[in-house]
Amino acid sequence: KGAALDVFSTEPLPADHPLWSYENVIVTPHCSSVYEGWEEKALDMFADNLSRYRRGEKLLGVVDPMRGY
């Protein structure tokens, strides 16, 4: 078992933080959402949501704080 962690309360994660020493933990620099083609996908979603907004329709990807995220 292990973990891949991307977001921390203090960033960047200090060099002396214990998480760096675990062999079963991967630490990334707050970039887990970056992948090939992400910029085009984000732009497409923005354009789609802008059109939806102008038409008075429900937007995609809306965060609902009542659901706990």
PDB file of N, CA and C in Angstrom:
ATOM      1  N   LYS A   1       0.837  -1.179   0.000  1.00  0.00           N
ATOM      2  CA  LYS A   1       0.000   0.000   0.000  1.00  0.00           C
ATOM      3  C   LYS A   1       0.879   1.238   0.000  1.00  0.00           C
ATOM      4  N   GLY A   2       0.302   2.336  -0.448  1.00  0.00           N
ATOM      5  CA  GLY A   2       1.042   3.584  -0.497  1.00  0.00           C
ATOM      6  C   GLY A   2       0.113   4.746  -0.751  1.00  0.00           C
ATOM      7  N   ALA A   3       0.705   5.881  -1.030  1.00  0.00           N
ATOM      8  CA  ALA A   3      -0.080   7.090  -1.272  1.00  0.00           C
ATOM      9  C   ALA A   3       0.654   7.994  -2.247  1.00  0.00           C
ATOM     10  N   ALA A   4      -0.115   8.700  -3.057  1.00  0.00           N
ATOM     11  CA  ALA A   4       0.409   9.759  -3.910  1.00  0.00           C
ATOM     12  C   ALA A   4      -0.252  11.044  -3.425  1.00  0.00           C
ATOM     13  N   LEU A   5       0.552  12.001  -2.989  1.00  0.00           N
ATOM     14  CA  LEU A   5       0.042  13.232  -2.376  1.00  0.00           C
ATOM     15  C   LEU A   5       0.466  14.441  -3.194  1.00  0.00           C
ATOM     16  N   ASP A   6      -0.464  15.360  -3.399  1.00  0.00           N
ATOM     17  CA  ASP A   6      -0.207  16.504  -4.264  1.00  0.00           C
ATOM     18  C   ASP A   6      -0.456  17.845  -3.583  1.00  0.00           C
ATOM     19  N   VAL A   7      -1.240  17.890  -2.520  1.00  0.00           N
ATOM     20  CA  VAL A   7      -1.602  19.148  -1.871  1.00  0.00           C
ATOM     21  C   VAL A   7      -1.305  19.043  -0.380  1.00  0.00           C
ATOM     22  N   PHE A   8      -0.681  20.087   0.151  1.00  0.00           N
ATOM     23  CA  PHE A   8      -0.292  20.101   1.557  1.00  0.00           C
ATOM     24  C   PHE A   8      -0.668  21.434   2.185  1.00  0.00           C
ATOM     25  N   SER A   9      -0.797  21.459   3.496  1.00  0.00           N
ATOM     26  CA  SER A   9      -1.159  22.706   4.177  1.00  0.00           C
ATOM     27  C   SER A   9      -0.059  23.745   4.052  1.00  0.00           C
ATOM     28  N   THR A  10       1.188  23.306   3.939  1.00  0.00           N
ATOM     29  CA  THR A  10       2.322  24.202   3.694  1.00  0.00           C
ATOM     30  C   THR A  10       2.957  23.782   2.379  1.00  0.00           C
ATOM     31  N   GLU A  11       3.039  24.690   1.438  1.00  0.00           N
ATOM     32  CA  GLU A  11       3.650  24.392   0.145  1.00  0.00           C
ATOM     33  C   GLU A  11       4.695  25.438  -0.187  1.00  0.00           C
ATOM     34  N   PRO A  12       5.823  25.002  -0.733  1.00  0.00           N
ATOM     35  CA  PRO A  12       6.148  23.605  -0.975  1.00  0.00           C
ATOM     36  C   PRO A  12       6.386  22.855   0.329  1.00  0.00           C
ATOM     37  N   LEU A  13       6.254  21.529   0.241  1.00  0.00           N
ATOM     38  CA  LEU A  13       6.483  20.693   1.412  1.00  0.00           C
ATOM     39  C   LEU A  13       7.938  20.850   1.838  1.00  0.00           C
ATOM     40  N   PRO A  14       8.199  21.205   3.090  1.00  0.00           N
ATOM     41  CA  PRO A  14       9.579  21.426   3.541  1.00  0.00           C
ATOM     42  C   PRO A  14      10.465  20.201   3.306  1.00  0.00           C
ATOM     43  N   ALA A  15      11.709  20.434   2.982  1.00  0.00           N
ATOM     44  CA  ALA A  15      12.653  19.358   2.676  1.00  0.00           C
ATOM     45  C   ALA A  15      12.826  18.387   3.835  1.00  0.00           C
ATOM     46  N   ASP A  16      12.636  18.847   5.052  1.00  0.00           N
ATOM     47  CA  ASP A  16      12.809  17.967   6.209  1.00  0.00           C
ATOM     48  C   ASP A  16      11.506  17.301   6.666  1.00  0.00           C
ATOM     49  N   HIS A  17      10.444  17.417   5.874  1.00  0.00           N
ATOM     50  CA  HIS A  17       9.167  16.812   6.262  1.00  0.00           C
ATOM     51  C   HIS A  17       9.288  15.283   6.211  1.00  0.00           C
ATOM     52  N   PRO A  18       8.729  14.582   7.186  1.00  0.00           N
ATOM     53  CA  PRO A  18       8.824  13.121   7.244  1.00  0.00           C
ATOM     54  C   PRO A  18       8.269  12.392   6.015  1.00  0.00           C
ATOM     55  N   LEU A  19       7.305  12.972   5.314  1.00  0.00           N
ATOM     56  CA  LEU A  19       6.727  12.286   4.154  1.00  0.00           C
ATOM     57  C   LEU A  19       7.764  11.978   3.076  1.00  0.00           C
ATOM     58  N   TRP A  20       8.799  12.790   2.968  1.00  0.00           N
ATOM     59  CA  TRP A  20       9.843  12.557   1.971  1.00  0.00           C
ATOM     60  C   TRP A  20      10.584  11.242   2.218  1.00  0.00           C
ATOM     61  N   SER A  21      10.583  10.748   3.428  1.00  0.00           N
ATOM     62  CA  SER A  21      11.383   9.564   3.769  1.00  0.00           C
ATOM     63  C   SER A  21      10.661   8.236   3.539  1.00  0.00           C
ATOM     64  N   TYR A  22       9.366   8.248   3.291  1.00  0.00           N
ATOM     65  CA  TYR A  22       8.626   7.000   3.094  1.00  0.00           C
ATOM     66  C   TYR A  22       8.797   6.483   1.666  1.00  0.00           C
ATOM     67  N   GLU A  23       9.143   5.196   1.543  1.00  0.00           N
ATOM     68  CA  GLU A  23       9.309   4.595   0.219  1.00  0.00           C
ATOM     69  C   GLU A  23       7.978   4.390  -0.498  1.00  0.00           C
ATOM     70  N   ASN A  24       6.890   4.305   0.259  1.00  0.00           N
ATOM     71  CA  ASN A  24       5.583   4.047  -0.344  1.00  0.00           C
ATOM     72  C   ASN A  24       4.748   5.319  -0.528  1.00  0.00           C
ATOM     73  N   VAL A  25       5.409   6.479  -0.494  1.00  0.00           N
ATOM     74  CA  VAL A  25       4.722   7.757  -0.685  1.00  0.00           C
ATOM     75  C   VAL A  25       5.362   8.504  -1.847  1.00  0.00           C
ATOM     76  N   ILE A  26       4.523   8.957  -2.758  1.00  0.00           N
ATOM     77  CA  ILE A  26       4.970   9.804  -3.867  1.00  0.00           C
ATOM     78  C   ILE A  26       4.459  11.207  -3.582  1.00  0.00           C
ATOM     79  N   VAL A  27       5.362  12.182  -3.609  1.00  0.00           N
ATOM     80  CA  VAL A  27       5.010  13.582  -3.373  1.00  0.00           C
ATOM     81  C   VAL A  27       5.184  14.334  -4.687  1.00  0.00           C
ATOM     82  N   THR A  28       4.128  15.031  -5.120  1.00  0.00           N
ATOM     83  CA  THR A  28       4.222  15.834  -6.337  1.00  0.00           C
ATOM     84  C   THR A  28       4.001  17.308  -5.993  1.00  0.00           C
ATOM     85  N   PRO A  29       4.514  18.204  -6.833  1.00  0.00           N
ATOM     86  CA  PRO A  29       4.461  19.642  -6.530  1.00  0.00           C
ATOM     87  C   PRO A  29       3.153  20.328  -6.923  1.00  0.00           C
ATOM     88  N   HIS A  30       2.025  19.837  -6.390  1.00  0.00           N
ATOM     89  CA  HIS A  30       0.714  20.449  -6.639  1.00  0.00           C
ATOM     90  C   HIS A  30       0.436  20.566  -8.140  1.00  0.00           C
ATOM     91  N   CYS A  31       0.662  19.456  -8.842  1.00  0.00           N
ATOM     92  CA  CYS A  31       0.473  19.478 -10.296  1.00  0.00           C
ATOM     93  C   CYS A  31      -0.251  18.236 -10.810  1.00  0.00           C
ATOM     94  N   SER A  32      -1.005  17.555  -9.969  1.00  0.00           N
ATOM     95  CA  SER A  32      -1.645  16.307 -10.401  1.00  0.00           C
ATOM     96  C   SER A  32      -2.679  16.518 -11.502  1.00  0.00           C
ATOM     97  N   SER A  33      -3.171  17.725 -11.653  1.00  0.00           N
ATOM     98  CA  SER A  33      -4.175  17.973 -12.691  1.00  0.00           C
ATOM     99  C   SER A  33      -3.556  18.282 -14.048  1.00  0.00           C
ATOM    100  N   VAL A  34      -2.238  18.349 -14.109  1.00  0.00           N
ATOM    101  CA  VAL A  34      -1.562  18.684 -15.361  1.00  0.00           C
ATOM    102  C   VAL A  34      -1.280  17.400 -16.140  1.00  0.00           C
ATOM    103  N   TYR A  35      -1.798  17.310 -17.343  1.00  0.00           N
ATOM    104  CA  TYR A  35      -1.578  16.165 -18.213  1.00  0.00           C
ATOM    105  C   TYR A  35      -1.620  16.666 -19.652  1.00  0.00           C
ATOM    106  N   GLU A  36      -1.173  15.846 -20.578  1.00  0.00           N
ATOM    107  CA  GLU A  36      -1.153  16.255 -21.975  1.00  0.00           C
ATOM    108  C   GLU A  36      -2.575  16.547 -22.450  1.00  0.00           C
ATOM    109  N   GLY A  37      -2.794  17.735 -22.940  1.00  0.00           N
ATOM    110  CA  GLY A  37      -4.093  18.136 -23.453  1.00  0.00           C
ATOM    111  C   GLY A  37      -4.999  18.829 -22.448  1.00  0.00           C
ATOM    112  N   TRP A  38      -4.518  19.031 -21.219  1.00  0.00           N
ATOM    113  CA  TRP A  38      -5.380  19.636 -20.183  1.00  0.00           C
ATOM    114  C   TRP A  38      -5.769  21.064 -20.528  1.00  0.00           C
ATOM    115  N   GLU A  39      -4.867  21.798 -21.186  1.00  0.00           N
ATOM    116  CA  GLU A  39      -5.171  23.197 -21.507  1.00  0.00           C
ATOM    117  C   GLU A  39      -6.334  23.294 -22.484  1.00  0.00           C
ATOM    118  N   GLU A  40      -6.313  22.426 -23.508  1.00  0.00           N
ATOM    119  CA  GLU A  40      -7.397  22.435 -24.493  1.00  0.00           C
ATOM    120  C   GLU A  40      -8.720  22.021 -23.836  1.00  0.00           C
ATOM    121  N   LYS A  41      -8.669  21.006 -22.978  1.00  0.00           N
ATOM    122  CA  LYS A  41      -9.883  20.559 -22.295  1.00  0.00           C
ATOM    123  C   LYS A  41     -10.444  21.668 -21.408  1.00  0.00           C
ATOM    124  N   ALA A  42      -9.570  22.358 -20.680  1.00  0.00           N
ATOM    125  CA  ALA A  42     -10.019  23.445 -19.801  1.00  0.00           C
ATOM    126  C   ALA A  42     -10.633  24.581 -20.616  1.00  0.00           C
ATOM    127  N   LEU A  43     -10.007  24.918 -21.731  1.00  0.00           N
ATOM    128  CA  LEU A  43     -10.531  25.986 -22.584  1.00  0.00           C
ATOM    129  C   LEU A  43     -11.884  25.595 -23.177  1.00  0.00           C
ATOM    130  N   ASP A  44     -12.009  24.336 -23.601  1.00  0.00           N
ATOM    131  CA  ASP A  44     -13.289  23.862 -24.140  1.00  0.00           C
ATOM    132  C   ASP A  44     -14.393  23.944 -23.087  1.00  0.00           C
ATOM    133  N   MET A  45     -14.064  23.550 -21.858  1.00  0.00           N
ATOM    134  CA  MET A  45     -15.070  23.595 -20.786  1.00  0.00           C
ATOM    135  C   MET A  45     -15.453  25.037 -20.471  1.00  0.00           C
ATOM    136  N   PHE A  46     -14.461  25.930 -20.466  1.00  0.00           N
ATOM    137  CA  PHE A  46     -14.755  27.343 -20.228  1.00  0.00           C
ATOM    138  C   PHE A  46     -15.692  27.881 -21.306  1.00  0.00           C
ATOM    139  N   ALA A  47     -15.373  27.593 -22.574  1.00  0.00           N
ATOM    140  CA  ALA A  47     -16.199  28.094 -23.678  1.00  0.00           C
ATOM    141  C   ALA A  47     -17.616  27.524 -23.589  1.00  0.00           C
ATOM    142  N   ASP A  48     -17.718  26.242 -23.265  1.00  0.00           N
ATOM    143  CA  ASP A  48     -19.033  25.619 -23.123  1.00  0.00           C
ATOM    144  C   ASP A  48     -19.815  26.273 -21.991  1.00  0.00           C
ATOM    145  N   ASN A  49     -19.161  26.481 -20.849  1.00  0.00           N
ATOM    146  CA  ASN A  49     -19.845  27.107 -19.715  1.00  0.00           C
ATOM    147  C   ASN A  49     -20.221  28.554 -20.001  1.00  0.00           C
ATOM    148  N   LEU A  50     -19.399  29.261 -20.745  1.00  0.00           N
ATOM    149  CA  LEU A  50     -19.740  30.634 -21.106  1.00  0.00           C
ATOM    150  C   LEU A  50     -21.012  30.651 -21.952  1.00  0.00           C
ATOM    151  N   SER A  51     -21.096  29.737 -22.909  1.00  0.00           N
ATOM    152  CA  SER A  51     -22.305  29.638 -23.734  1.00  0.00           C
ATOM    153  C   SER A  51     -23.512  29.274 -22.884  1.00  0.00           C
ATOM    154  N   ARG A  52     -23.333  28.326 -21.970  1.00  0.00           N
ATOM    155  CA  ARG A  52     -24.420  27.926 -21.083  1.00  0.00           C
ATOM    156  C   ARG A  52     -24.869  29.108 -20.222  1.00  0.00           C
ATOM    157  N   TYR A  53     -23.914  29.851 -19.686  1.00  0.00           N
ATOM    158  CA  TYR A  53     -24.222  31.011 -18.844  1.00  0.00           C
ATOM    159  C   TYR A  53     -25.047  32.034 -19.623  1.00  0.00           C
ATOM    160  N   ARG A  54     -24.623  32.307 -20.846  1.00  0.00           N
ATOM    161  CA  ARG A  54     -25.330  33.293 -21.666  1.00  0.00           C
ATOM    162  C   ARG A  54     -26.747  32.850 -22.007  1.00  0.00           C
ATOM    163  N   ARG A  55     -26.967  31.530 -22.083  1.00  0.00           N
ATOM    164  CA  ARG A  55     -28.304  30.998 -22.380  1.00  0.00           C
ATOM    165  C   ARG A  55     -29.118  30.757 -21.111  1.00  0.00           C
ATOM    166  N   GLY A  56     -28.515  31.025 -19.947  1.00  0.00           N
ATOM    167  CA  GLY A  56     -29.215  30.816 -18.685  1.00  0.00           C
ATOM    168  C   GLY A  56     -29.316  29.355 -18.276  1.00  0.00           C
ATOM    169  N   GLU A  57     -28.423  28.522 -18.794  1.00  0.00           N
ATOM    170  CA  GLU A  57     -28.445  27.094 -18.490  1.00  0.00           C
ATOM    171  C   GLU A  57     -27.521  26.755 -17.323  1.00  0.00           C
ATOM    172  N   LYS A  58     -27.707  25.555 -16.793  1.00  0.00           N
ATOM    173  CA  LYS A  58     -26.875  25.061 -15.700  1.00  0.00           C
ATOM    174  C   LYS A  58     -25.435  24.869 -16.192  1.00  0.00           C
ATOM    175  N   LEU A  59     -24.466  25.305 -15.375  1.00  0.00           N
ATOM    176  CA  LEU A  59     -23.056  25.176 -15.734  1.00  0.00           C
ATOM    177  C   LEU A  59     -22.528  23.791 -15.391  1.00  0.00           C
ATOM    178  N   LEU A  60     -21.476  23.388 -16.079  1.00  0.00           N
ATOM    179  CA  LEU A  60     -20.807  22.118 -15.812  1.00  0.00           C
ATOM    180  C   LEU A  60     -19.717  22.310 -14.763  1.00  0.00           C
ATOM    181  N   GLY A  61     -19.480  21.294 -13.950  1.00  0.00           N
ATOM    182  CA  GLY A  61     -18.364  21.311 -13.010  1.00  0.00           C
ATOM    183  C   GLY A  61     -18.523  22.246 -11.831  1.00  0.00           C
ATOM    184  N   VAL A  62     -19.743  22.568 -11.460  1.00  0.00           N
ATOM    185  CA  VAL A  62     -19.979  23.486 -10.348  1.00  0.00           C
ATOM    186  C   VAL A  62     -19.722  22.762  -9.023  1.00  0.00           C
ATOM    187  N   VAL A  63     -18.964  23.386  -8.145  1.00  0.00           N
ATOM    188  CA  VAL A  63     -18.665  22.817  -6.833  1.00  0.00           C
ATOM    189  C   VAL A  63     -19.818  23.093  -5.879  1.00  0.00           C
ATOM    190  N   ASP A  64     -20.218  22.065  -5.149  1.00  0.00           N
ATOM    191  CA  ASP A  64     -21.295  22.187  -4.171  1.00  0.00           C
ATOM    192  C   ASP A  64     -20.708  22.038  -2.771  1.00  0.00           C
ATOM    193  N   PRO A  65     -20.475  23.141  -2.048  1.00  0.00           N
ATOM    194  CA  PRO A  65     -19.882  23.067  -0.710  1.00  0.00           C
ATOM    195  C   PRO A  65     -20.688  22.214   0.267  1.00  0.00           C
ATOM    196  N   MET A  66     -21.979  22.074   0.047  1.00  0.00           N
ATOM    197  CA  MET A  66     -22.814  21.266   0.934  1.00  0.00           C
ATOM    198  C   MET A  66     -22.494  19.771   0.821  1.00  0.00           C
ATOM    199  N   ARG A  67     -21.816  19.390  -0.263  1.00  0.00           N
ATOM    200  CA  ARG A  67     -21.442  17.982  -0.443  1.00  0.00           C
ATOM    201  C   ARG A  67     -20.092  17.676   0.194  1.00  0.00           C
ATOM    202  N   GLY A  68     -19.456  18.692   0.764  1.00  0.00           N
ATOM    203  CA  GLY A  68     -18.226  18.458   1.500  1.00  0.00           C
ATOM    204  C   GLY A  68     -16.942  18.605   0.724  1.00  0.00           C
ATOM    205  N   TYR A  69     -17.001  19.279  -0.404  1.00  0.00           N
ATOM    206  CA  TYR A  69     -15.761  19.530  -1.146  1.00  0.00           C
ATOM    207  C   TYR A  69     -15.732  20.936  -1.662  1.00  0.00           C
TER     208      TYR A  69
END
